C-alpha atoms as a PDB file:
ATOM      1  CA  MET A   1     243.967 161.799 -44.599  1.00  0.00           C
ATOM      2  CA  GLY A   2     244.548 159.326 -47.357  1.00  0.00           C
ATOM      3  CA  LYS A   3     244.202 155.645 -47.734  1.00  0.00           C
ATOM      4  CA  SER A   4     245.854 153.764 -44.918  1.00  0.00           C
ATOM      5  CA  GLU A   5     248.561 151.256 -45.662  1.00  0.00           C
ATOM      6  CA  PRO A   6     247.834 147.550 -45.066  1.00  0.00           C
ATOM      7  CA  VAL A   7     249.205 146.160 -41.844  1.00  0.00           C
ATOM      8  CA  PRO A   8     251.345 143.031 -42.174  1.00  0.00           C
ATOM      9  CA  ASN A   9     250.078 139.730 -40.819  1.00  0.00           C
ATOM     10  CA  THR A  10     250.993 139.497 -37.143  1.00  0.00           C
ATOM     11  CA  ASN A  11     249.711 135.981 -36.566  1.00  0.00           C
ATOM     12  CA  GLU A  12     252.436 134.381 -34.478  1.00  0.00           C
ATOM     13  CA  ASP A  13     251.299 130.799 -35.105  1.00  0.00           C
ATOM     14  CA  ASN A  14     254.277 129.444 -37.032  1.00  0.00           C
ATOM     15  CA  SER A  15     253.398 125.811 -36.391  1.00  0.00           C
ATOM     16  CA  GLU A  16     252.321 125.264 -40.008  1.00  0.00           C
ATOM     17  CA  GLY A  17     255.702 126.186 -41.460  1.00  0.00           C
ATOM     18  CA  TYR A  18     254.892 129.803 -42.194  1.00  0.00           C
ATOM     19  CA  ASP A  19     257.243 131.130 -44.846  1.00  0.00           C
ATOM     20  CA  SER A  20     257.724 134.889 -44.788  1.00  0.00           C
ATOM     21  CA  ASN A  21     258.197 134.769 -48.555  1.00  0.00           C
ATOM     22  CA  SER A  22     254.883 132.990 -49.142  1.00  0.00           C
ATOM     23  CA  SER A  23     251.952 134.532 -51.001  1.00  0.00           C
ATOM     24  CA  ASP A  24     250.230 135.151 -47.641  1.00  0.00           C
ATOM     25  CA  ALA A  25     253.043 137.492 -46.615  1.00  0.00           C
ATOM     26  CA  ASP A  26     252.923 139.228 -49.997  1.00  0.00           C
ATOM     27  CA  GLU A  27     249.227 140.036 -49.577  1.00  0.00           C
ATOM     28  CA  ASN A  28     249.983 142.122 -46.447  1.00  0.00           C
ATOM     29  CA  GLU A  29     246.719 141.032 -44.876  1.00  0.00           C
ATOM     30  CA  TYR A  30     246.132 141.737 -41.260  1.00  0.00           C
ATOM     31  CA  GLN A  31     244.718 138.583 -39.727  1.00  0.00           C
ATOM     32  CA  VAL A  32     242.451 139.777 -36.941  1.00  0.00           C
ATOM     33  CA  ILE A  33     240.921 136.366 -36.399  1.00  0.00           C
ATOM     34  CA  LYS A  34     243.153 133.526 -35.262  1.00  0.00           C
ATOM     35  CA  SER A  35     242.526 129.914 -36.173  1.00  0.00           C
ATOM     36  CA  THR A  36     242.580 128.421 -32.706  1.00  0.00           C
ATOM     37  CA  LYS A  37     239.952 130.821 -31.383  1.00  0.00           C
ATOM     38  CA  ILE A  38     237.558 130.134 -34.272  1.00  0.00           C
ATOM     39  CA  ARG A  39     238.026 126.391 -33.969  1.00  0.00           C
ATOM     40  CA  GLU A  40     237.225 126.585 -30.249  1.00  0.00           C
ATOM     41  CA  MET A  41     234.203 128.820 -30.864  1.00  0.00           C
ATOM     42  CA  LEU A  42     232.782 126.491 -33.514  1.00  0.00           C
ATOM     43  CA  ARG A  43     233.308 123.458 -31.295  1.00  0.00           C
ATOM     44  CA  ASP A  44     231.638 125.237 -28.364  1.00  0.00           C
ATOM     45  CA  GLU A  45     228.589 126.061 -30.504  1.00  0.00           C
ATOM     46  CA  THR A  46     227.942 122.672 -32.093  1.00  0.00           C
ATOM     47  CA  GLU A  47     228.425 118.979 -31.601  1.00  0.00           C
ATOM     48  CA  LEU A  48     229.154 118.680 -35.318  1.00  0.00           C
ATOM     49  CA  GLN A  49     232.683 118.021 -36.442  1.00  0.00           C
ATOM     50  CA  VAL A  50     234.385 121.108 -37.885  1.00  0.00           C
ATOM     51  CA  SER A  51     236.588 120.435 -40.888  1.00  0.00           C
ATOM     52  CA  PRO A  52     239.847 122.338 -41.278  1.00  0.00           C
ATOM     53  CA  GLU A  53     238.448 123.781 -44.524  1.00  0.00           C
ATOM     54  CA  ALA A  54     235.369 125.120 -42.698  1.00  0.00           C
ATOM     55  CA  ASP A  55     237.624 126.634 -40.062  1.00  0.00           C
ATOM     56  CA  GLU A  56     239.721 128.337 -42.757  1.00  0.00           C
ATOM     57  CA  ALA A  57     236.611 129.575 -44.599  1.00  0.00           C
ATOM     58  CA  MET A  58     235.224 131.064 -41.362  1.00  0.00           C
ATOM     59  CA  ILE A  59     238.519 132.790 -40.623  1.00  0.00           C
ATOM     60  CA  LYS A  60     238.718 134.212 -44.145  1.00  0.00           C
ATOM     61  CA  ALA A  61     235.128 135.499 -44.008  1.00  0.00           C
ATOM     62  CA  LEU A  62     235.560 137.095 -40.587  1.00  0.00           C
ATOM     63  CA  ASN A  63     238.822 138.747 -41.604  1.00  0.00           C
ATOM     64  CA  GLU A  64     237.096 140.187 -44.682  1.00  0.00           C
ATOM     65  CA  VAL A  65     234.299 141.579 -42.498  1.00  0.00           C
ATOM     66  CA  ALA A  66     236.893 143.027 -40.112  1.00  0.00           C
ATOM     67  CA  ALA A  67     238.669 144.699 -43.041  1.00  0.00           C
ATOM     68  CA  VAL A  68     235.402 146.288 -44.239  1.00  0.00           C
ATOM     69  CA  ILE A  69     234.602 147.568 -40.747  1.00  0.00           C
ATOM     70  CA  THR A  70     238.156 148.883 -40.373  1.00  0.00           C
ATOM     71  CA  ALA A  71     238.023 150.755 -43.682  1.00  0.00           C
ATOM     72  CA  GLU A  72     234.647 152.297 -42.823  1.00  0.00           C
ATOM     73  CA  THR A  73     235.884 153.191 -39.318  1.00  0.00           C
ATOM     74  CA  ILE A  74     238.817 155.080 -40.821  1.00  0.00           C
ATOM     75  CA  LYS A  75     236.453 157.037 -43.088  1.00  0.00           C
ATOM     76  CA  VAL A  76     234.197 157.909 -40.150  1.00  0.00           C
ATOM     77  CA  ALA A  77     237.137 158.901 -37.957  1.00  0.00           C
ATOM     78  CA  GLU A  78     238.635 161.101 -40.667  1.00  0.00           C
ATOM     79  CA  ARG A  79     235.269 162.847 -41.181  1.00  0.00           C
ATOM     80  CA  LYS A  80     234.330 163.290 -37.530  1.00  0.00           C
ATOM     81  CA  SER A  81     237.532 163.301 -35.546  1.00  0.00           C
ATOM     82  CA  GLU A  82     238.971 166.565 -34.339  1.00  0.00           C
ATOM     83  CA  GLY A  83     242.166 164.803 -33.374  1.00  0.00           C
ATOM     84  CA  SER A  84     244.121 161.905 -34.752  1.00  0.00           C
ATOM     85  CA  THR A  85     242.465 159.182 -32.690  1.00  0.00           C
ATOM     86  CA  VAL A  86     240.004 156.523 -33.769  1.00  0.00           C
ATOM     87  CA  ARG A  87     237.441 156.261 -30.998  1.00  0.00           C
ATOM     88  CA  SER A  88     234.970 153.534 -30.082  1.00  0.00           C
ATOM     89  CA  GLY A  89     232.134 155.731 -31.336  1.00  0.00           C
ATOM     90  CA  HIS A  90     233.737 155.759 -34.782  1.00  0.00           C
ATOM     91  CA  VAL A  91     233.743 151.950 -34.834  1.00  0.00           C
ATOM     92  CA  GLU A  92     230.122 151.790 -33.666  1.00  0.00           C
ATOM     93  CA  THR A  93     229.042 154.346 -36.283  1.00  0.00           C
ATOM     94  CA  ALA A  94     230.901 152.485 -39.018  1.00  0.00           C
ATOM     95  CA  TYR A  95     229.332 149.170 -38.050  1.00  0.00           C
ATOM     96  CA  SER A  96     225.854 150.751 -37.972  1.00  0.00           C
ATOM     97  CA  GLN A  97     226.422 152.266 -41.417  1.00  0.00           C
ATOM     98  CA  ILE A  98     227.449 148.886 -42.807  1.00  0.00           C
ATOM     99  CA  LYS A  99     224.367 147.190 -41.348  1.00  0.00           C
ATOM    100  CA  LYS A 100     221.924 149.953 -42.346  1.00  0.00           C
ATOM    101  CA  PRO A 101     221.163 148.797 -45.934  1.00  0.00           C
ATOM    102  CA  HIS A 102     220.550 145.246 -44.735  1.00  0.00           C
ATOM    103  CA  ASN A 103     218.251 146.401 -41.950  1.00  0.00           C
ATOM    104  CA  SER A 104     216.367 148.583 -44.444  1.00  0.00           C
ATOM    105  CA  LEU A 105     215.755 145.540 -46.627  1.00  0.00           C
ATOM    106  CA  PHE A 106     214.284 143.626 -43.697  1.00  0.00           C
ATOM    107  CA  ARG A 107     212.058 146.579 -42.764  1.00  0.00           C
ATOM    108  CA  ALA A 108     210.817 146.718 -46.372  1.00  0.00           C
ATOM    109  CA  ILE A 109     210.080 142.985 -46.317  1.00  0.00           C
ATOM    110  CA  ASN A 110     208.077 143.441 -43.115  1.00  0.00           C
ATOM    111  CA  GLN A 111     206.115 146.318 -44.654  1.00  0.00           C
ATOM    112  CA  ILE A 112     205.362 144.228 -47.751  1.00  0.00           C
ATOM    113  CA  ASP A 113     204.233 141.318 -45.564  1.00  0.00           C
ATOM    114  CA  ASP A 114     201.938 143.654 -43.575  1.00  0.00           C
ATOM    115  CA  ALA A 115     200.459 145.108 -46.769  1.00  0.00           C
ATOM    116  CA  ARG A 116     199.934 141.606 -48.186  1.00  0.00           C
ATOM    117  CA  ALA A 117     198.100 140.544 -45.020  1.00  0.00           C
ATOM    118  CA  LYS A 118     195.819 143.613 -45.189  1.00  0.00           C
ATOM    119  CA  ILE A 119     195.036 143.045 -48.878  1.00  0.00           C
ATOM    120  CA  LYS A 120     194.368 139.343 -48.245  1.00  0.00           C
ATOM    121  CA  ALA A 121     192.014 140.216 -45.381  1.00  0.00           C
ATOM    122  CA  MET A 122     190.091 142.617 -47.658  1.00  0.00           C
ATOM    123  CA  ALA A 123     189.868 139.992 -50.409  1.00  0.00           C
ATOM    124  CA  ASP A 124     188.791 137.304 -47.937  1.00  0.00           C
ATOM    125  CA  SER A 125     186.016 139.539 -46.617  1.00  0.00           C
ATOM    126  CA  SER A 126     184.618 140.186 -50.098  1.00  0.00           C
ATOM    127  CA  PRO A 127     181.433 138.247 -50.860  1.00  0.00           C
ATOM    128  CA  PHE A 128     182.662 137.812 -54.440  1.00  0.00           C
ATOM    129  CA  SER A 129     186.080 136.253 -53.752  1.00  0.00           C
ATOM    130  CA  ASP A 130     186.876 132.599 -54.356  1.00  0.00           C
ATOM    131  CA  LYS A 131     188.830 131.779 -51.190  1.00  0.00           C
ATOM    132  CA  ASN A 132     190.394 128.695 -52.785  1.00  0.00           C
ATOM    133  CA  ILE A 133     191.986 130.619 -55.664  1.00  0.00           C
ATOM    134  CA  ASN A 134     195.492 130.487 -54.106  1.00  0.00           C
ATOM    135  CA  ASP A 135     195.313 126.837 -53.022  1.00  0.00           C
END
């Protein structure tokens, strides 16, 4: 139940002269997202041109997100699993746990906005308030 070992890059696209001794191979990154799929997805979503650099940045970002979800999934599976299998529920729990702080921030923003609206309504209803003070 320790830290899992990185999985080597299994991207089979060797069209760009992939060198197994390159720094990419040394990093032992598992590339979940493949370039051609991202390029197609971006082109399907917009009429804008997609630069190769944007494509690479999107792939890098998505692979980082996948690595975070994978690491959290392993933690969840090790805590909850009675066997040695990572299940879909472990992935879903991990993803929910990763999103939870962000969702909490948005809920807090909504609560602050609601409180601001109530306070503004009270101030506006006061006979002593200068309604143009915030203009």
